[in-house]
Amino acid sequence: MATDGDQGFDAILVRLREVVGKLESGELTLEQALAVYEEGVALARKGQQLLATAEKRVEILVSASGGVETAPFEDKS
């Protein structure tokens, strides 16, 4: 079971959406907004770490399964 310090990526995204909603509401005091913003930054960093770890795992799996060449993702939208 995941604890607060060990949240999954989906849980982090849900919480980040909540954080953004609170910040956009304009109903927080400056101190509250700073605390919520700090939480959001920490969540974003954790999400980036999880994505980087997942990317490394995929690269290892791909390279172990026959040497398929990997290339950086380019968003064409």
Protein backbone atom coordinates (compact mmCIF):
# COMPACT_ATOMS: atom_id res chain seq x y z
CA MET A 1 0.00 0.00 0.00
CA ALA A 2 1.35 3.46 -0.87
CA THR A 3 2.00 5.97 1.87
CA ASP A 4 2.10 9.75 1.47
CA GLY A 5 5.85 9.55 0.85
CA ASP A 6 5.37 6.75 -1.71
CA GLN A 7 2.55 8.01 -3.92
CA GLY A 8 1.99 6.58 -7.37
CA PHE A 9 2.09 8.76 -10.45
CA ASP A 10 -1.70 8.81 -10.82
CA ALA A 11 -2.18 9.91 -7.21
CA ILE A 12 0.37 12.67 -7.73
CA LEU A 13 -1.50 13.94 -10.80
CA VAL A 14 -4.79 13.96 -8.91
CA ARG A 15 -3.25 15.93 -6.06
CA LEU A 16 -1.55 18.35 -8.46
CA ARG A 17 -4.91 19.08 -10.07
CA GLU A 18 -6.33 19.81 -6.62
CA VAL A 19 -3.39 22.11 -5.86
CA VAL A 20 -3.88 24.01 -9.12
CA GLY A 21 -7.60 24.35 -8.40
CA LYS A 22 -6.90 25.81 -4.96
CA LEU A 23 -4.36 28.26 -6.34
CA GLU A 24 -6.65 29.34 -9.17
CA SER A 25 -9.59 29.86 -6.80
CA GLY A 26 -8.04 33.01 -5.38
CA GLU A 27 -9.51 32.20 -1.98
CA LEU A 28 -6.22 31.48 -0.18
CA THR A 29 -4.23 33.89 1.91
CA LEU A 30 -0.69 34.56 0.78
CA GLU A 31 0.69 32.18 3.40
CA GLN A 32 -1.76 29.44 2.42
CA ALA A 33 -1.01 29.95 -1.27
CA LEU A 34 2.73 29.66 -0.65
CA ALA A 35 2.27 26.44 1.33
CA VAL A 36 0.05 24.94 -1.39
CA TYR A 37 2.50 26.09 -4.08
CA GLU A 38 5.39 24.45 -2.21
CA GLU A 39 3.39 21.22 -2.05
CA GLY A 40 2.76 21.44 -5.78
CA VAL A 41 6.44 21.93 -6.56
CA ALA A 42 7.35 18.91 -4.40
CA LEU A 43 4.70 16.81 -6.13
CA ALA A 44 5.89 17.89 -9.57
CA ARG A 45 9.46 16.94 -8.69
CA LYS A 46 8.34 13.53 -7.41
CA GLY A 47 6.34 13.00 -10.60
CA GLN A 48 9.39 13.87 -12.71
CA GLN A 49 11.47 11.37 -10.73
CA LEU A 50 8.89 8.65 -11.30
CA LEU A 51 8.78 9.39 -15.02
CA ALA A 52 12.58 9.33 -15.28
CA THR A 53 12.70 6.00 -13.46
CA ALA A 54 10.01 4.55 -15.72
CA GLU A 55 11.88 5.76 -18.80
CA LYS A 56 15.08 4.07 -17.63
CA ARG A 57 13.22 0.83 -16.97
CA VAL A 58 11.69 0.89 -20.46
CA GLU A 59 15.10 1.56 -22.03
CA ILE A 60 16.58 -1.39 -20.12
CA LEU A 61 13.74 -3.66 -21.21
CA VAL A 62 13.98 -2.56 -24.82
CA SER A 63 17.76 -2.95 -24.96
CA ALA A 64 17.58 -6.36 -23.29
CA SER A 65 15.03 -7.63 -25.80
CA GLY A 66 17.08 -7.36 -28.93
CA GLY A 67 18.86 -4.05 -29.10
CA VAL A 68 16.03 -1.96 -30.48
CA GLU A 69 17.25 1.58 -30.94
CA THR A 70 15.59 4.25 -28.81
CA ALA A 71 15.08 7.86 -29.87
CA PRO A 72 13.93 10.92 -27.97
CA PHE A 73 10.22 11.65 -28.09
CA GLU A 74 9.29 14.61 -30.28
CA ASP A 75 5.84 16.08 -29.78
CA LYS A 76 4.58 17.10 -33.22
CA SER A 77 1.34 18.67 -32.05
